[in-house]
N, C-alpha and C. Protein backbone atom coordinates (compact mmCIF):
# COMPACT_ATOMS: atom_id res chain seq x y z
N MET A 1 11.02 11.48 16.59
CA MET A 1 11.66 11.83 15.34
C MET A 1 10.58 12.04 14.28
N LYS A 2 10.71 13.12 13.54
CA LYS A 2 9.75 13.42 12.49
C LYS A 2 9.88 12.43 11.35
N GLU A 3 8.75 12.16 10.67
CA GLU A 3 8.74 11.25 9.51
C GLU A 3 9.71 11.70 8.43
N THR A 4 9.72 13.00 8.13
CA THR A 4 10.54 13.48 7.03
C THR A 4 12.03 13.37 7.32
N SER A 5 12.43 13.36 8.58
CA SER A 5 13.85 13.28 8.89
C SER A 5 14.39 11.87 8.67
N ARG A 6 13.54 10.86 8.57
CA ARG A 6 13.99 9.49 8.35
C ARG A 6 14.06 9.12 6.88
N ARG A 7 13.51 9.94 6.01
CA ARG A 7 13.52 9.64 4.57
C ARG A 7 14.92 9.76 4.02
N LYS A 8 15.26 8.87 3.09
CA LYS A 8 16.58 8.88 2.47
C LYS A 8 16.78 10.13 1.62
N ASN A 9 15.81 10.45 0.79
CA ASN A 9 15.88 11.60 -0.09
C ASN A 9 14.80 12.58 0.36
N LYS A 10 15.15 13.77 0.72
CA LYS A 10 14.18 14.71 1.28
C LYS A 10 13.59 15.66 0.24
N GLY A 11 13.76 15.33 -1.06
CA GLY A 11 13.21 16.16 -2.12
C GLY A 11 11.75 15.82 -2.39
N ARG A 12 11.31 16.09 -3.60
CA ARG A 12 9.91 15.85 -3.98
C ARG A 12 9.62 14.36 -4.15
N THR A 13 10.65 13.56 -4.43
CA THR A 13 10.47 12.13 -4.57
C THR A 13 11.41 11.43 -3.59
N PHE A 14 11.08 10.19 -3.28
CA PHE A 14 11.98 9.43 -2.44
C PHE A 14 11.95 7.97 -2.86
N ASN A 15 13.00 7.27 -2.53
CA ASN A 15 13.15 5.88 -2.95
C ASN A 15 12.54 4.94 -1.93
N VAL A 16 11.91 3.90 -2.45
CA VAL A 16 11.38 2.82 -1.63
C VAL A 16 11.98 1.55 -2.17
N TYR A 17 12.68 0.82 -1.33
CA TYR A 17 13.29 -0.43 -1.76
C TYR A 17 12.41 -1.58 -1.32
N VAL A 18 11.87 -2.30 -2.29
CA VAL A 18 10.96 -3.41 -2.01
C VAL A 18 11.67 -4.69 -2.44
N GLY A 19 11.91 -5.54 -1.46
CA GLY A 19 12.49 -6.83 -1.79
C GLY A 19 11.41 -7.77 -2.27
N THR A 20 11.58 -8.30 -3.43
CA THR A 20 10.59 -9.23 -3.97
C THR A 20 11.30 -10.28 -4.79
N THR A 21 10.63 -11.38 -4.99
CA THR A 21 11.19 -12.44 -5.82
C THR A 21 10.22 -12.72 -6.96
N PHE A 22 10.78 -13.13 -8.09
CA PHE A 22 9.99 -13.49 -9.25
C PHE A 22 10.37 -14.89 -9.67
N ARG A 23 9.40 -15.60 -10.21
CA ARG A 23 9.72 -16.87 -10.83
C ARG A 23 10.60 -16.60 -12.04
N HIS A 24 11.34 -17.61 -12.45
CA HIS A 24 12.28 -17.46 -13.55
C HIS A 24 11.61 -16.93 -14.82
N GLU A 25 10.42 -17.42 -15.13
CA GLU A 25 9.71 -16.99 -16.33
C GLU A 25 9.36 -15.51 -16.28
N ILE A 26 8.99 -15.02 -15.12
CA ILE A 26 8.64 -13.62 -14.96
C ILE A 26 9.89 -12.76 -15.11
N PHE A 27 10.99 -13.21 -14.50
CA PHE A 27 12.23 -12.47 -14.62
C PHE A 27 12.68 -12.40 -16.08
N CYS A 28 12.52 -13.49 -16.80
CA CYS A 28 12.88 -13.49 -18.23
C CYS A 28 12.01 -12.50 -19.00
N GLU A 29 10.74 -12.41 -18.66
CA GLU A 29 9.86 -11.46 -19.32
C GLU A 29 10.28 -10.02 -19.03
N ILE A 30 10.68 -9.76 -17.79
CA ILE A 30 11.16 -8.43 -17.42
C ILE A 30 12.45 -8.11 -18.16
N GLU A 31 13.34 -9.09 -18.24
CA GLU A 31 14.59 -8.88 -18.98
C GLU A 31 14.33 -8.60 -20.45
N ALA A 32 13.37 -9.31 -21.04
CA ALA A 32 13.04 -9.09 -22.45
C ALA A 32 12.47 -7.69 -22.66
N LEU A 33 11.61 -7.25 -21.75
CA LEU A 33 11.07 -5.89 -21.84
C LEU A 33 12.18 -4.86 -21.70
N ALA A 34 13.11 -5.11 -20.78
CA ALA A 34 14.22 -4.18 -20.56
C ALA A 34 15.08 -4.08 -21.81
N ALA A 35 15.36 -5.22 -22.42
CA ALA A 35 16.19 -5.21 -23.63
C ALA A 35 15.48 -4.50 -24.78
N SER A 36 14.19 -4.76 -24.95
CA SER A 36 13.47 -4.16 -26.07
C SER A 36 13.26 -2.66 -25.90
N HIS A 37 13.19 -2.19 -24.65
CA HIS A 37 12.99 -0.75 -24.39
C HIS A 37 14.28 -0.05 -24.00
N LYS A 38 15.39 -0.80 -23.99
CA LYS A 38 16.71 -0.26 -23.63
C LYS A 38 16.68 0.41 -22.26
N LEU A 39 16.15 -0.33 -21.28
CA LEU A 39 16.08 0.13 -19.90
C LEU A 39 16.72 -0.91 -18.99
N ALA A 40 17.02 -0.51 -17.77
CA ALA A 40 17.48 -1.46 -16.77
C ALA A 40 16.29 -2.27 -16.26
N ASN A 41 16.56 -3.46 -15.76
CA ASN A 41 15.49 -4.30 -15.22
C ASN A 41 14.70 -3.57 -14.14
N ALA A 42 15.42 -2.90 -13.24
CA ALA A 42 14.75 -2.18 -12.15
C ALA A 42 13.85 -1.07 -12.69
N GLN A 43 14.27 -0.41 -13.76
CA GLN A 43 13.45 0.65 -14.34
C GLN A 43 12.17 0.07 -14.94
N VAL A 44 12.26 -1.10 -15.55
CA VAL A 44 11.06 -1.76 -16.09
C VAL A 44 10.09 -2.06 -14.96
N VAL A 45 10.59 -2.59 -13.85
CA VAL A 45 9.72 -2.89 -12.71
C VAL A 45 9.09 -1.61 -12.18
N ARG A 46 9.86 -0.52 -12.09
CA ARG A 46 9.30 0.77 -11.63
C ARG A 46 8.19 1.25 -12.56
N GLU A 47 8.44 1.18 -13.87
CA GLU A 47 7.44 1.65 -14.83
C GLU A 47 6.18 0.80 -14.77
N LEU A 48 6.33 -0.51 -14.64
CA LEU A 48 5.16 -1.39 -14.52
C LEU A 48 4.39 -1.11 -13.24
N PHE A 49 5.11 -0.82 -12.17
CA PHE A 49 4.44 -0.48 -10.91
C PHE A 49 3.62 0.80 -11.08
N LEU A 50 4.22 1.83 -11.66
CA LEU A 50 3.50 3.10 -11.85
C LEU A 50 2.32 2.93 -12.78
N ARG A 51 2.48 2.13 -13.81
CA ARG A 51 1.37 1.86 -14.73
C ARG A 51 0.23 1.16 -14.00
N GLY A 52 0.59 0.23 -13.13
CA GLY A 52 -0.42 -0.47 -12.33
C GLY A 52 -1.10 0.45 -11.34
N LEU A 53 -0.35 1.38 -10.76
CA LEU A 53 -0.93 2.34 -9.83
C LEU A 53 -1.89 3.28 -10.55
N ALA A 54 -1.54 3.66 -11.77
CA ALA A 54 -2.44 4.52 -12.56
C ALA A 54 -3.73 3.77 -12.88
N ALA A 55 -3.62 2.48 -13.22
CA ALA A 55 -4.82 1.68 -13.49
C ALA A 55 -5.68 1.56 -12.24
N TYR A 56 -5.05 1.40 -11.09
CA TYR A 56 -5.80 1.33 -9.83
C TYR A 56 -6.54 2.64 -9.58
N ASN A 57 -5.88 3.76 -9.84
CA ASN A 57 -6.54 5.05 -9.65
C ASN A 57 -7.71 5.24 -10.61
N ARG A 58 -7.63 4.63 -11.80
CA ARG A 58 -8.74 4.72 -12.76
C ARG A 58 -9.93 3.88 -12.34
N ASP A 59 -9.67 2.60 -11.97
CA ASP A 59 -10.80 1.71 -11.75
C ASP A 59 -10.99 1.22 -10.31
N GLY A 60 -10.04 1.52 -9.42
CA GLY A 60 -10.19 1.15 -8.02
C GLY A 60 -10.03 -0.33 -7.73
N GLN A 61 -9.49 -1.09 -8.67
CA GLN A 61 -9.32 -2.53 -8.47
C GLN A 61 -7.84 -2.87 -8.39
N ILE A 62 -7.49 -3.72 -7.44
CA ILE A 62 -6.10 -4.14 -7.28
C ILE A 62 -5.72 -5.15 -8.35
N THR A 63 -6.61 -6.06 -8.68
CA THR A 63 -6.29 -7.12 -9.63
C THR A 63 -6.91 -6.83 -10.99
N GLU A 64 -6.34 -7.45 -12.01
CA GLU A 64 -6.86 -7.34 -13.37
C GLU A 64 -7.91 -8.42 -13.57
N ASN A 65 -9.15 -8.07 -13.55
CA ASN A 65 -10.22 -9.04 -13.75
C ASN A 65 -10.78 -8.89 -15.16
N GLY A 66 -10.82 -10.02 -15.87
CA GLY A 66 -11.45 -10.02 -17.18
C GLY A 66 -10.62 -9.43 -18.29
N THR A 67 -9.30 -9.34 -18.12
CA THR A 67 -8.47 -8.83 -19.20
C THR A 67 -7.51 -9.91 -19.65
N ALA A 68 -6.90 -9.70 -20.78
CA ALA A 68 -5.99 -10.70 -21.35
C ALA A 68 -4.55 -10.37 -21.01
N ALA A 69 -4.25 -10.18 -19.75
CA ALA A 69 -2.88 -9.90 -19.33
C ALA A 69 -2.07 -11.18 -19.32
N SER A 70 -0.76 -11.03 -19.33
CA SER A 70 0.14 -12.18 -19.30
C SER A 70 -0.09 -12.99 -18.02
N PRO A 71 -0.18 -14.32 -18.11
CA PRO A 71 -0.36 -15.12 -16.89
C PRO A 71 0.83 -14.99 -15.95
N PHE A 72 2.02 -14.72 -16.50
CA PHE A 72 3.19 -14.56 -15.64
C PHE A 72 3.08 -13.27 -14.83
N LEU A 73 2.62 -12.20 -15.46
CA LEU A 73 2.49 -10.94 -14.74
C LEU A 73 1.38 -10.99 -13.71
N LYS A 74 0.32 -11.75 -13.97
CA LYS A 74 -0.74 -11.91 -12.97
C LYS A 74 -0.19 -12.59 -11.73
N GLU A 75 0.62 -13.63 -11.92
CA GLU A 75 1.21 -14.33 -10.79
C GLU A 75 2.18 -13.41 -10.05
N ALA A 76 2.90 -12.56 -10.77
CA ALA A 76 3.83 -11.63 -10.14
C ALA A 76 3.06 -10.63 -9.27
N ALA A 77 1.91 -10.18 -9.75
CA ALA A 77 1.10 -9.24 -8.97
C ALA A 77 0.64 -9.88 -7.68
N VAL A 78 0.28 -11.14 -7.73
CA VAL A 78 -0.16 -11.84 -6.53
C VAL A 78 1.02 -12.00 -5.58
N GLU A 79 2.22 -12.34 -6.10
CA GLU A 79 3.39 -12.49 -5.25
C GLU A 79 3.78 -11.17 -4.61
N ILE A 80 3.68 -10.08 -5.35
CA ILE A 80 4.04 -8.76 -4.81
C ILE A 80 3.03 -8.34 -3.75
N ALA A 81 1.75 -8.60 -3.99
CA ALA A 81 0.71 -8.20 -3.06
C ALA A 81 0.81 -8.97 -1.75
N ALA A 82 1.32 -10.17 -1.79
CA ALA A 82 1.40 -11.01 -0.58
C ALA A 82 2.47 -10.58 0.37
């Protein structure tokens, strides 16, 4: 079976469902971001993922070293990477 025939959406983009868990504090931070930007929680996670992928393409590093990022988001990145 060809790879493309198994994809859910055969257009230019396709969906990837990633099951992940967040600590309560991280989830609250995502909810707060969603409320302040008037987005769904899932959309906030998607945007943060894409922002992180863009940063990786810029500097080639998976983790944020030497920056003042939220400690909750750093732990979330480690949980997602695992």
